Amino acid sequence: MKIDSKANDGARTERGMTLQEVLGLPVTINVVTAARALGTGPNTAYEAIRNGNFPLDVITVGGSRRVLTASLWKLLGVEGHVSSGDV
């Protein structure tokens, strides 16, 4: 799975998210949203999860897979941009 780990403040890519959108995410997100933030498709993300290659922390809640947003922020290197007033 190819991941561009650099977040930017600029315009959204075709499937990606802006830094502001990433920082505005709730505590957990679904796999489709995580894939979008990483600039990849959901099928690629689900395949990476099945293969144990997904770079984010995934938990199962009520039969649904959820991604911990903090692991996304860490991967993208934006965790320092979040203040207590932002979340």
N, C-alpha and C. Protein backbone atom coordinates (compact mmCIF):
# COMPACT_ATOMS: atom_id res chain seq x y z
N MET A 1 0.85 -1.18 0.00
CA MET A 1 0.00 0.00 0.00
C MET A 1 0.89 1.23 0.00
N LYS A 2 0.74 2.07 -0.99
CA LYS A 2 1.54 3.28 -1.08
C LYS A 2 0.82 4.40 -0.35
N ILE A 3 1.56 5.05 0.56
CA ILE A 3 0.96 6.11 1.36
C ILE A 3 1.84 7.35 1.28
N ASP A 4 1.24 8.47 1.01
CA ASP A 4 1.96 9.73 1.08
C ASP A 4 1.76 10.26 2.49
N SER A 5 2.84 10.23 3.28
CA SER A 5 2.70 10.56 4.70
C SER A 5 2.82 12.05 4.99
N LYS A 6 2.84 12.89 3.98
CA LYS A 6 2.95 14.33 4.21
C LYS A 6 1.59 14.98 4.05
N ALA A 7 1.12 15.58 5.12
CA ALA A 7 -0.15 16.32 5.07
C ALA A 7 0.14 17.74 4.61
N ASN A 8 -0.83 18.34 3.94
CA ASN A 8 -0.63 19.73 3.54
C ASN A 8 -1.89 20.53 3.78
N ASP A 9 -1.71 21.84 3.80
CA ASP A 9 -2.85 22.73 4.01
C ASP A 9 -3.57 23.05 2.71
N GLY A 10 -3.02 22.61 1.60
CA GLY A 10 -3.52 23.00 0.29
C GLY A 10 -4.81 22.32 -0.09
N ALA A 11 -5.08 22.39 -1.35
CA ALA A 11 -6.32 21.84 -1.88
C ALA A 11 -6.36 20.33 -1.75
N ARG A 12 -7.53 19.83 -1.64
CA ARG A 12 -7.76 18.40 -1.53
C ARG A 12 -7.35 17.73 -2.83
N THR A 13 -6.73 16.56 -2.71
CA THR A 13 -6.43 15.78 -3.90
C THR A 13 -7.70 15.05 -4.31
N GLU A 14 -7.63 14.29 -5.37
CA GLU A 14 -8.82 13.62 -5.87
C GLU A 14 -9.51 12.79 -4.80
N ARG A 15 -8.73 12.03 -4.01
CA ARG A 15 -9.33 11.22 -2.96
C ARG A 15 -8.90 11.65 -1.57
N GLY A 16 -7.96 12.55 -1.47
CA GLY A 16 -7.39 12.92 -0.18
C GLY A 16 -8.22 13.94 0.57
N MET A 17 -7.67 14.37 1.71
CA MET A 17 -8.32 15.35 2.56
C MET A 17 -7.33 16.47 2.86
N THR A 18 -7.85 17.64 3.15
CA THR A 18 -6.99 18.74 3.57
C THR A 18 -6.58 18.53 5.02
N LEU A 19 -5.57 19.26 5.46
CA LEU A 19 -5.13 19.18 6.85
C LEU A 19 -6.27 19.55 7.79
N GLN A 20 -7.03 20.58 7.46
CA GLN A 20 -8.15 21.00 8.31
C GLN A 20 -9.19 19.89 8.44
N GLU A 21 -9.46 19.20 7.34
CA GLU A 21 -10.42 18.09 7.39
C GLU A 21 -9.90 16.96 8.27
N VAL A 22 -8.62 16.63 8.14
CA VAL A 22 -8.02 15.57 8.95
C VAL A 22 -8.07 15.93 10.43
N LEU A 23 -7.74 17.17 10.76
CA LEU A 23 -7.74 17.59 12.16
C LEU A 23 -9.14 17.67 12.75
N GLY A 24 -10.15 17.78 11.91
CA GLY A 24 -11.53 17.87 12.38
C GLY A 24 -12.23 16.53 12.54
N LEU A 25 -11.51 15.43 12.32
CA LEU A 25 -12.12 14.11 12.42
C LEU A 25 -12.43 13.72 13.87
N PRO A 26 -13.46 12.90 14.08
CA PRO A 26 -13.76 12.42 15.44
C PRO A 26 -12.71 11.41 15.92
N VAL A 27 -12.87 10.93 17.14
CA VAL A 27 -11.90 10.03 17.78
C VAL A 27 -11.66 8.76 16.96
N THR A 28 -12.72 8.18 16.42
CA THR A 28 -12.58 7.04 15.52
C THR A 28 -13.29 7.36 14.22
N ILE A 29 -12.80 6.74 13.16
CA ILE A 29 -13.39 6.93 11.84
C ILE A 29 -13.54 5.57 11.17
N ASN A 30 -14.39 5.52 10.15
CA ASN A 30 -14.53 4.26 9.43
C ASN A 30 -13.36 4.08 8.46
N VAL A 31 -13.23 2.89 7.95
CA VAL A 31 -12.11 2.56 7.07
C VAL A 31 -12.17 3.38 5.78
N VAL A 32 -13.35 3.65 5.29
CA VAL A 32 -13.50 4.44 4.05
C VAL A 32 -12.93 5.85 4.25
N THR A 33 -13.24 6.47 5.38
CA THR A 33 -12.72 7.81 5.68
C THR A 33 -11.21 7.78 5.86
N ALA A 34 -10.70 6.77 6.54
CA ALA A 34 -9.25 6.63 6.73
C ALA A 34 -8.55 6.48 5.38
N ALA A 35 -9.12 5.67 4.52
CA ALA A 35 -8.55 5.49 3.18
C ALA A 35 -8.53 6.81 2.42
N ARG A 36 -9.60 7.56 2.52
CA ARG A 36 -9.67 8.86 1.84
C ARG A 36 -8.60 9.81 2.37
N ALA A 37 -8.39 9.82 3.69
CA ALA A 37 -7.37 10.68 4.28
C ALA A 37 -5.98 10.29 3.81
N LEU A 38 -5.78 9.00 3.53
CA LEU A 38 -4.48 8.52 3.05
C LEU A 38 -4.34 8.63 1.54
N GLY A 39 -5.41 9.02 0.87
CA GLY A 39 -5.36 9.19 -0.58
C GLY A 39 -5.43 7.88 -1.33
N THR A 40 -6.07 6.89 -0.74
CA THR A 40 -6.22 5.60 -1.39
C THR A 40 -7.68 5.18 -1.37
N GLY A 41 -7.99 4.10 -2.01
CA GLY A 41 -9.37 3.64 -2.05
C GLY A 41 -9.69 2.68 -0.92
N PRO A 42 -10.98 2.51 -0.62
CA PRO A 42 -11.38 1.63 0.46
C PRO A 42 -11.02 0.17 0.22
N ASN A 43 -11.09 -0.30 -1.01
CA ASN A 43 -10.74 -1.69 -1.28
C ASN A 43 -9.28 -1.95 -0.94
N THR A 44 -8.41 -1.02 -1.29
CA THR A 44 -6.99 -1.15 -0.96
C THR A 44 -6.79 -1.16 0.55
N ALA A 45 -7.52 -0.30 1.25
CA ALA A 45 -7.41 -0.23 2.71
C ALA A 45 -7.88 -1.53 3.36
N TYR A 46 -9.04 -2.05 2.95
CA TYR A 46 -9.55 -3.30 3.52
C TYR A 46 -8.61 -4.46 3.23
N GLU A 47 -8.04 -4.48 2.04
CA GLU A 47 -7.08 -5.54 1.69
C GLU A 47 -5.84 -5.44 2.59
N ALA A 48 -5.35 -4.23 2.82
CA ALA A 48 -4.19 -4.03 3.69
C ALA A 48 -4.50 -4.46 5.13
N ILE A 49 -5.72 -4.21 5.59
CA ILE A 49 -6.12 -4.64 6.93
C ILE A 49 -6.10 -6.16 7.01
N ARG A 50 -6.70 -6.81 6.00
CA ARG A 50 -6.73 -8.28 5.98
C ARG A 50 -5.32 -8.87 5.95
N ASN A 51 -4.40 -8.21 5.24
CA ASN A 51 -3.02 -8.70 5.11
C ASN A 51 -2.13 -8.28 6.27
N GLY A 52 -2.66 -7.48 7.19
CA GLY A 52 -1.86 -7.00 8.31
C GLY A 52 -0.88 -5.91 7.94
N ASN A 53 -1.13 -5.23 6.81
CA ASN A 53 -0.23 -4.18 6.32
C ASN A 53 -0.79 -2.77 6.45
N PHE A 54 -1.94 -2.62 7.08
CA PHE A 54 -2.53 -1.29 7.19
C PHE A 54 -1.77 -0.51 8.25
N PRO A 55 -1.33 0.70 7.95
CA PRO A 55 -0.43 1.42 8.86
C PRO A 55 -1.11 2.13 10.03
N LEU A 56 -2.43 1.94 10.19
CA LEU A 56 -3.15 2.61 11.26
C LEU A 56 -3.73 1.60 12.24
N ASP A 57 -4.00 2.07 13.47
CA ASP A 57 -4.60 1.21 14.48
C ASP A 57 -6.08 1.03 14.18
N VAL A 58 -6.50 -0.24 14.09
CA VAL A 58 -7.88 -0.57 13.77
C VAL A 58 -8.47 -1.37 14.93
N ILE A 59 -9.68 -1.01 15.34
CA ILE A 59 -10.40 -1.75 16.37
C ILE A 59 -11.72 -2.22 15.79
N THR A 60 -12.31 -3.22 16.42
CA THR A 60 -13.63 -3.69 16.00
C THR A 60 -14.64 -3.30 17.07
N VAL A 61 -15.68 -2.62 16.63
CA VAL A 61 -16.74 -2.17 17.54
C VAL A 61 -18.06 -2.65 16.96
N GLY A 62 -18.70 -3.57 17.68
CA GLY A 62 -20.00 -4.07 17.22
C GLY A 62 -19.96 -4.65 15.82
N GLY A 63 -18.89 -5.30 15.46
CA GLY A 63 -18.77 -5.91 14.14
C GLY A 63 -18.25 -4.97 13.06
N SER A 64 -18.08 -3.69 13.38
CA SER A 64 -17.55 -2.71 12.43
C SER A 64 -16.10 -2.41 12.74
N ARG A 65 -15.32 -2.24 11.72
CA ARG A 65 -13.93 -1.84 11.92
C ARG A 65 -13.85 -0.32 11.99
N ARG A 66 -13.15 0.17 13.01
CA ARG A 66 -12.97 1.60 13.22
C ARG A 66 -11.48 1.89 13.32
N VAL A 67 -11.06 3.00 12.80
CA VAL A 67 -9.67 3.42 12.83
C VAL A 67 -9.52 4.51 13.87
N LEU A 68 -8.48 4.40 14.70
CA LEU A 68 -8.22 5.42 15.71
C LEU A 68 -7.60 6.64 15.02
N THR A 69 -8.28 7.75 15.12
CA THR A 69 -7.83 8.98 14.46
C THR A 69 -6.45 9.41 14.93
N ALA A 70 -6.13 9.19 16.21
CA ALA A 70 -4.81 9.55 16.72
C ALA A 70 -3.70 8.84 15.95
N SER A 71 -3.94 7.60 15.52
CA SER A 71 -2.91 6.89 14.75
C SER A 71 -2.76 7.51 13.35
N LEU A 72 -3.85 8.02 12.80
CA LEU A 72 -3.78 8.73 11.52
C LEU A 72 -2.97 10.00 11.66
N TRP A 73 -3.28 10.78 12.71
CA TRP A 73 -2.54 12.02 12.95
C TRP A 73 -1.05 11.73 13.13
N LYS A 74 -0.74 10.67 13.86
CA LYS A 74 0.67 10.32 14.10
C LYS A 74 1.36 9.97 12.78
N LEU A 75 0.72 9.13 11.98
CA LEU A 75 1.30 8.73 10.70
C LEU A 75 1.55 9.94 9.80
N LEU A 76 0.60 10.87 9.79
CA LEU A 76 0.73 12.05 8.93
C LEU A 76 1.61 13.13 9.54
N GLY A 77 1.99 12.94 10.80
CA GLY A 77 2.86 13.91 11.46
C GLY A 77 2.17 15.21 11.80
N VAL A 78 0.87 15.15 12.07
CA VAL A 78 0.13 16.38 12.38
C VAL A 78 -0.36 16.41 13.81
N GLU A 79 0.05 15.45 14.64
CA GLU A 79 -0.46 15.40 16.01
C GLU A 79 -0.13 16.64 16.80
N GLY A 80 0.99 17.31 16.51
CA GLY A 80 1.36 18.53 17.21
C GLY A 80 0.50 19.73 16.83
N HIS A 81 -0.27 19.61 15.74
CA HIS A 81 -1.14 20.69 15.29
C HIS A 81 -2.45 20.73 16.05
N VAL A 82 -2.72 19.69 16.82
CA VAL A 82 -3.99 19.58 17.52
C VAL A 82 -3.83 20.14 18.93
N SER A 83 -4.66 21.10 19.29
CA SER A 83 -4.64 21.63 20.65
C SER A 83 -5.91 21.18 21.35
N SER A 84 -5.97 21.33 22.64
CA SER A 84 -7.15 20.89 23.38
C SER A 84 -8.41 21.60 22.92
N GLY A 85 -8.30 22.78 22.37
CA GLY A 85 -9.47 23.49 21.88
C GLY A 85 -9.93 23.01 20.52
N ASP A 86 -9.08 22.25 19.81
CA ASP A 86 -9.43 21.77 18.48
C ASP A 86 -10.30 20.53 18.50
N VAL A 87 -10.26 19.77 19.57
CA VAL A 87 -11.01 18.52 19.60
C VAL A 87 -12.04 18.51 20.68
